[in-house]
Amino acid sequence: MQNLPKKVRSKKLSTRVDLTAMISVSFLLIIFFMVVGELAKPKVLEYGMSGCDDCGEYFSCRHIDENRLLTILLDENDEIVTSSGLVNFPIETPKKVNYSKNGIRKELVSRSKIVLEYSKSLGKPKNGLIVIIKPSQKSNYGNLVNILDEMKILNIQNYSILNEFTPEEEKLLATR
């Protein structure tokens, strides 16, 4: 027998794939889509009275209870004008206040107490103050942030930011 050349077999290497990076990317994508899904939900403040089953018409339940309403007008030079009730028919005379603890915070606390007493007398103790914040074109962004901080500090949950002024509100700011 002759010496036949041996077949050279290649050495088999281990085929191992490291999936650590893939798992990290997967978790990042899952978190991203969870956050995007949560942010995509509409956040709407519905004005009106909850639990209004006894009024026959749909639209009559959607009115704003003006006794619960406080309008905050932000103007230039860090000026604030507050108006309780509707601006056309205010419950109290509009007041000019400042951003201090004895200014806007005192006004919000006192108005909240009045509204809670009013709501308790109607048998709806959970109905609190509704605040409408209206920054003028001349007010700065910091003033709006300060008012939103006050809403958070005082736990006022029903507030809205609008940028449309009625003629009465413009007159009110012009006279101040």
C-alpha atoms as a PDB file:
ATOM      1  CA  MET A   1       0.000   0.000   0.000  1.00  0.00           C
ATOM      2  CA  GLN A   2       1.046   3.277  -0.796  1.00  0.00           C
ATOM      3  CA  ASN A   3       1.038   6.128   1.492  1.00  0.00           C
ATOM      4  CA  LEU A   4      -1.954   8.050   0.469  1.00  0.00           C
ATOM      5  CA  PRO A   5      -2.023  11.640   1.515  1.00  0.00           C
ATOM      6  CA  LYS A   6      -4.343  12.180   4.422  1.00  0.00           C
ATOM      7  CA  LYS A   7      -7.268  14.379   3.910  1.00  0.00           C
ATOM      8  CA  VAL A   8      -6.753  17.619   5.688  1.00  0.00           C
ATOM      9  CA  ARG A   9      -9.765  18.484   7.630  1.00  0.00           C
ATOM     10  CA  SER A  10     -10.343  22.074   8.554  1.00  0.00           C
ATOM     11  CA  LYS A  11     -10.611  22.878  12.165  1.00  0.00           C
ATOM     12  CA  LYS A  12     -14.221  23.657  13.066  1.00  0.00           C
ATOM     13  CA  LEU A  13     -14.517  26.929  14.879  1.00  0.00           C
ATOM     14  CA  SER A  14     -17.232  27.594  17.391  1.00  0.00           C
ATOM     15  CA  THR A  15     -19.981  29.776  15.893  1.00  0.00           C
ATOM     16  CA  ARG A  16     -21.140  31.849  18.807  1.00  0.00           C
ATOM     17  CA  VAL A  17     -22.951  35.149  18.326  1.00  0.00           C
ATOM     18  CA  ASP A  18     -22.981  37.695  21.114  1.00  0.00           C
ATOM     19  CA  LEU A  19     -26.506  39.146  21.359  1.00  0.00           C
ATOM     20  CA  THR A  20     -25.857  41.579  24.204  1.00  0.00           C
ATOM     21  CA  ALA A  21     -25.935  44.635  21.970  1.00  0.00           C
ATOM     22  CA  MET A  22     -29.116  43.412  20.242  1.00  0.00           C
ATOM     23  CA  ILE A  23     -30.892  43.000  23.586  1.00  0.00           C
ATOM     24  CA  SER A  24     -29.904  46.515  24.642  1.00  0.00           C
ATOM     25  CA  VAL A  25     -31.242  47.976  21.409  1.00  0.00           C
ATOM     26  CA  SER A  26     -34.452  45.982  21.788  1.00  0.00           C
ATOM     27  CA  PHE A  27     -35.080  47.333  25.268  1.00  0.00           C
ATOM     28  CA  LEU A  28     -34.372  50.877  24.125  1.00  0.00           C
ATOM     29  CA  LEU A  29     -36.885  50.497  21.295  1.00  0.00           C
ATOM     30  CA  ILE A  30     -39.514  49.091  23.657  1.00  0.00           C
ATOM     31  CA  ILE A  31     -39.050  52.009  26.050  1.00  0.00           C
ATOM     32  CA  PHE A  32     -39.137  54.493  23.177  1.00  0.00           C
ATOM     33  CA  PHE A  33     -42.436  53.176  21.827  1.00  0.00           C
ATOM     34  CA  MET A  34     -43.978  53.062  25.297  1.00  0.00           C
ATOM     35  CA  VAL A  35     -43.111  56.722  25.879  1.00  0.00           C
ATOM     36  CA  VAL A  36     -44.295  57.788  22.426  1.00  0.00           C
ATOM     37  CA  GLY A  37     -47.552  55.911  22.937  1.00  0.00           C
ATOM     38  CA  GLU A  38     -48.136  57.611  26.258  1.00  0.00           C
ATOM     39  CA  LEU A  39     -47.382  61.061  24.859  1.00  0.00           C
ATOM     40  CA  ALA A  40     -49.672  60.510  21.892  1.00  0.00           C
ATOM     41  CA  LYS A  41     -52.750  60.200  24.117  1.00  0.00           C
ATOM     42  CA  PRO A  42     -54.786  63.412  23.974  1.00  0.00           C
ATOM     43  CA  LYS A  43     -54.899  65.430  27.164  1.00  0.00           C
ATOM     44  CA  VAL A  44     -58.146  67.383  27.269  1.00  0.00           C
ATOM     45  CA  LEU A  45     -59.666  69.522  29.979  1.00  0.00           C
ATOM     46  CA  GLU A  46     -63.431  69.344  29.830  1.00  0.00           C
ATOM     47  CA  TYR A  47     -65.155  72.345  31.297  1.00  0.00           C
ATOM     48  CA  GLY A  48     -68.515  71.914  32.882  1.00  0.00           C
ATOM     49  CA  MET A  49     -70.100  69.970  35.614  1.00  0.00           C
ATOM     50  CA  SER A  50     -69.421  66.288  35.957  1.00  0.00           C
ATOM     51  CA  GLY A  51     -72.282  63.979  36.732  1.00  0.00           C
ATOM     52  CA  CYS A  52     -74.906  66.163  35.107  1.00  0.00           C
ATOM     53  CA  ASP A  53     -77.398  63.432  34.319  1.00  0.00           C
ATOM     54  CA  ASP A  54     -80.564  65.211  35.314  1.00  0.00           C
ATOM     55  CA  CYS A  55     -80.568  68.050  32.768  1.00  0.00           C
ATOM     56  CA  GLY A  56     -82.434  66.941  29.656  1.00  0.00           C
ATOM     57  CA  GLU A  57     -80.188  68.642  27.092  1.00  0.00           C
ATOM     58  CA  TYR A  58     -76.609  67.750  26.303  1.00  0.00           C
ATOM     59  CA  PHE A  59     -75.371  71.312  25.880  1.00  0.00           C
ATOM     60  CA  SER A  60     -76.873  72.705  29.056  1.00  0.00           C
ATOM     61  CA  CYS A  61     -74.477  70.542  31.080  1.00  0.00           C
ATOM     62  CA  ARG A  62     -71.429  71.992  29.359  1.00  0.00           C
ATOM     63  CA  HIS A  63     -71.632  75.507  30.739  1.00  0.00           C
ATOM     64  CA  ILE A  64     -68.936  76.879  32.998  1.00  0.00           C
ATOM     65  CA  ASP A  65     -69.990  77.569  36.555  1.00  0.00           C
ATOM     66  CA  GLU A  66     -68.865  81.181  36.793  1.00  0.00           C
ATOM     67  CA  ASN A  67     -68.702  80.995  40.597  1.00  0.00           C
ATOM     68  CA  ARG A  68     -65.791  78.543  40.257  1.00  0.00           C
ATOM     69  CA  LEU A  69     -63.945  80.591  37.625  1.00  0.00           C
ATOM     70  CA  LEU A  70     -60.827  82.720  38.128  1.00  0.00           C
ATOM     71  CA  THR A  71     -59.148  84.432  35.177  1.00  0.00           C
ATOM     72  CA  ILE A  72     -55.489  85.406  35.473  1.00  0.00           C
ATOM     73  CA  LEU A  73     -54.277  87.978  32.937  1.00  0.00           C
ATOM     74  CA  LEU A  74     -50.494  88.221  32.600  1.00  0.00           C
ATOM     75  CA  ASP A  75     -49.176  91.563  31.371  1.00  0.00           C
ATOM     76  CA  GLU A  76     -45.812  93.233  30.872  1.00  0.00           C
ATOM     77  CA  ASN A  77     -43.551  94.314  33.752  1.00  0.00           C
ATOM     78  CA  ASP A  78     -44.532  91.258  35.833  1.00  0.00           C
ATOM     79  CA  GLU A  79     -48.082  92.501  36.339  1.00  0.00           C
ATOM     80  CA  ILE A  80     -51.017  90.176  37.028  1.00  0.00           C
ATOM     81  CA  VAL A  81     -54.710  91.054  36.964  1.00  0.00           C
ATOM     82  CA  THR A  82     -57.145  88.545  38.461  1.00  0.00           C
ATOM     83  CA  SER A  83     -60.865  88.483  37.845  1.00  0.00           C
ATOM     84  CA  SER A  84     -63.313  86.195  39.662  1.00  0.00           C
ATOM     85  CA  GLY A  85     -66.274  84.983  37.630  1.00  0.00           C
ATOM     86  CA  LEU A  86     -66.866  86.128  34.083  1.00  0.00           C
ATOM     87  CA  VAL A  87     -64.955  89.209  32.999  1.00  0.00           C
ATOM     88  CA  ASN A  88     -68.155  90.835  31.726  1.00  0.00           C
ATOM     89  CA  PHE A  89     -69.919  90.209  35.058  1.00  0.00           C
ATOM     90  CA  PRO A  90     -67.221  89.823  37.719  1.00  0.00           C
ATOM     91  CA  ILE A  91     -68.080  88.468  41.152  1.00  0.00           C
ATOM     92  CA  GLU A  92     -65.404  90.688  42.722  1.00  0.00           C
ATOM     93  CA  THR A  93     -63.647  93.767  41.443  1.00  0.00           C
ATOM     94  CA  PRO A  94     -60.618  92.753  39.333  1.00  0.00           C
ATOM     95  CA  LYS A  95     -57.407  92.934  41.353  1.00  0.00           C
ATOM     96  CA  LYS A  96     -53.840  93.733  40.446  1.00  0.00           C
ATOM     97  CA  VAL A  97     -51.440  91.386  42.268  1.00  0.00           C
ATOM     98  CA  ASN A  98     -47.778  90.413  42.050  1.00  0.00           C
ATOM     99  CA  TYR A  99     -45.855  87.122  41.969  1.00  0.00           C
ATOM    100  CA  SER A 100     -45.023  87.027  45.673  1.00  0.00           C
ATOM    101  CA  LYS A 101     -46.341  84.676  48.333  1.00  0.00           C
ATOM    102  CA  ASN A 102     -48.675  87.442  49.533  1.00  0.00           C
ATOM    103  CA  GLY A 103     -49.739  88.242  45.970  1.00  0.00           C
ATOM    104  CA  ILE A 104     -50.976  85.609  43.537  1.00  0.00           C
ATOM    105  CA  ARG A 105     -50.587  82.681  45.947  1.00  0.00           C
ATOM    106  CA  LYS A 106     -52.696  84.396  48.613  1.00  0.00           C
ATOM    107  CA  GLU A 107     -55.332  85.216  46.002  1.00  0.00           C
ATOM    108  CA  LEU A 108     -55.419  81.618  44.714  1.00  0.00           C
ATOM    109  CA  VAL A 109     -55.654  80.158  48.231  1.00  0.00           C
ATOM    110  CA  SER A 110     -58.475  82.475  49.298  1.00  0.00           C
ATOM    111  CA  ARG A 111     -60.398  81.958  46.061  1.00  0.00           C
ATOM    112  CA  SER A 112     -59.959  78.167  46.325  1.00  0.00           C
ATOM    113  CA  LYS A 113     -61.427  78.191  49.839  1.00  0.00           C
ATOM    114  CA  ILE A 114     -64.413  80.242  48.688  1.00  0.00           C
ATOM    115  CA  VAL A 115     -65.040  77.912  45.731  1.00  0.00           C
ATOM    116  CA  LEU A 116     -64.765  74.769  47.890  1.00  0.00           C
ATOM    117  CA  GLU A 117     -67.304  76.185  50.364  1.00  0.00           C
ATOM    118  CA  TYR A 118     -69.583  77.062  47.452  1.00  0.00           C
ATOM    119  CA  SER A 119     -69.227  73.557  45.987  1.00  0.00           C
ATOM    120  CA  LYS A 120     -69.917  71.931  49.356  1.00  0.00           C
ATOM    121  CA  SER A 121     -73.107  73.963  49.660  1.00  0.00           C
ATOM    122  CA  LEU A 122     -74.218  72.509  46.310  1.00  0.00           C
ATOM    123  CA  GLY A 123     -73.414  68.984  47.479  1.00  0.00           C
ATOM    124  CA  LYS A 124     -70.411  68.605  45.171  1.00  0.00           C
ATOM    125  CA  PRO A 125     -67.385  68.922  47.468  1.00  0.00           C
ATOM    126  CA  LYS A 126     -64.888  67.752  44.844  1.00  0.00           C
ATOM    127  CA  ASN A 127     -65.542  70.630  42.440  1.00  0.00           C
ATOM    128  CA  GLY A 128     -62.668  73.044  42.905  1.00  0.00           C
ATOM    129  CA  LEU A 129     -61.415  76.207  41.328  1.00  0.00           C
ATOM    130  CA  ILE A 130     -61.189  76.558  37.525  1.00  0.00           C
ATOM    131  CA  VAL A 131     -58.349  78.887  36.502  1.00  0.00           C
ATOM    132  CA  ILE A 132     -57.958  80.398  33.050  1.00  0.00           C
ATOM    133  CA  ILE A 133     -54.462  81.763  32.444  1.00  0.00           C
ATOM    134  CA  LYS A 134     -54.144  84.320  29.661  1.00  0.00           C
ATOM    135  CA  PRO A 135     -50.649  85.618  28.928  1.00  0.00           C
ATOM    136  CA  SER A 136     -50.579  88.775  26.835  1.00  0.00           C
ATOM    137  CA  GLN A 137     -48.178  89.317  23.961  1.00  0.00           C
ATOM    138  CA  LYS A 138     -46.148  91.614  26.215  1.00  0.00           C
ATOM    139  CA  SER A 139     -45.718  89.123  29.066  1.00  0.00           C
ATOM    140  CA  ASN A 140     -42.663  86.907  29.203  1.00  0.00           C
ATOM    141  CA  TYR A 141     -42.325  83.138  29.333  1.00  0.00           C
ATOM    142  CA  GLY A 142     -40.962  83.174  32.880  1.00  0.00           C
ATOM    143  CA  ASN A 143     -44.196  84.687  34.170  1.00  0.00           C
ATOM    144  CA  LEU A 144     -46.202  81.845  32.634  1.00  0.00           C
ATOM    145  CA  VAL A 145     -43.851  79.304  34.200  1.00  0.00           C
ATOM    146  CA  ASN A 146     -44.251  81.005  37.600  1.00  0.00           C
ATOM    147  CA  ILE A 147     -48.049  80.794  37.370  1.00  0.00           C
ATOM    148  CA  LEU A 148     -47.867  77.127  36.362  1.00  0.00           C
ATOM    149  CA  ASP A 149     -45.594  76.536  39.368  1.00  0.00           C
ATOM    150  CA  GLU A 150     -48.242  78.102  41.603  1.00  0.00           C
ATOM    151  CA  MET A 151     -50.856  75.760  40.109  1.00  0.00           C
ATOM    152  CA  LYS A 152     -48.619  72.804  40.981  1.00  0.00           C
ATOM    153  CA  ILE A 153     -47.756  74.065  44.480  1.00  0.00           C
ATOM    154  CA  LEU A 154     -51.403  74.683  45.390  1.00  0.00           C
ATOM    155  CA  ASN A 155     -52.569  71.463  43.683  1.00  0.00           C
ATOM    156  CA  ILE A 156     -55.027  73.279  41.403  1.00  0.00           C
ATOM    157  CA  GLN A 157     -55.833  70.697  38.757  1.00  0.00           C
ATOM    158  CA  ASN A 158     -58.383  72.525  36.609  1.00  0.00           C
ATOM    159  CA  TYR A 159     -56.557  75.191  34.660  1.00  0.00           C
ATOM    160  CA  SER A 160     -56.203  76.171  31.047  1.00  0.00           C
ATOM    161  CA  ILE A 161     -53.891  78.468  29.099  1.00  0.00           C
ATOM    162  CA  LEU A 162     -55.517  80.604  26.419  1.00  0.00           C
ATOM    163  CA  ASN A 163     -54.009  83.301  24.247  1.00  0.00           C
ATOM    164  CA  GLU A 164     -57.204  84.923  23.030  1.00  0.00           C
ATOM    165  CA  PHE A 165     -58.317  88.102  24.750  1.00  0.00           C
ATOM    166  CA  THR A 166     -61.860  89.446  24.760  1.00  0.00           C
ATOM    167  CA  PRO A 167     -62.336  93.197  24.306  1.00  0.00           C
ATOM    168  CA  GLU A 168     -63.281  93.473  27.987  1.00  0.00           C
ATOM    169  CA  GLU A 169     -60.026  91.824  29.020  1.00  0.00           C
ATOM    170  CA  GLU A 170     -58.008  94.111  26.759  1.00  0.00           C
ATOM    171  CA  LYS A 171     -59.730  97.126  28.328  1.00  0.00           C
ATOM    172  CA  LEU A 172     -59.014  95.739  31.774  1.00  0.00           C
ATOM    173  CA  LEU A 173     -55.293  95.430  30.984  1.00  0.00           C
ATOM    174  CA  ALA A 174     -55.212  98.867  29.346  1.00  0.00           C
ATOM    175  CA  THR A 175     -56.691 100.584  32.412  1.00  0.00           C
ATOM    176  CA  ARG A 176     -54.195  98.964  34.796  1.00  0.00           C
END
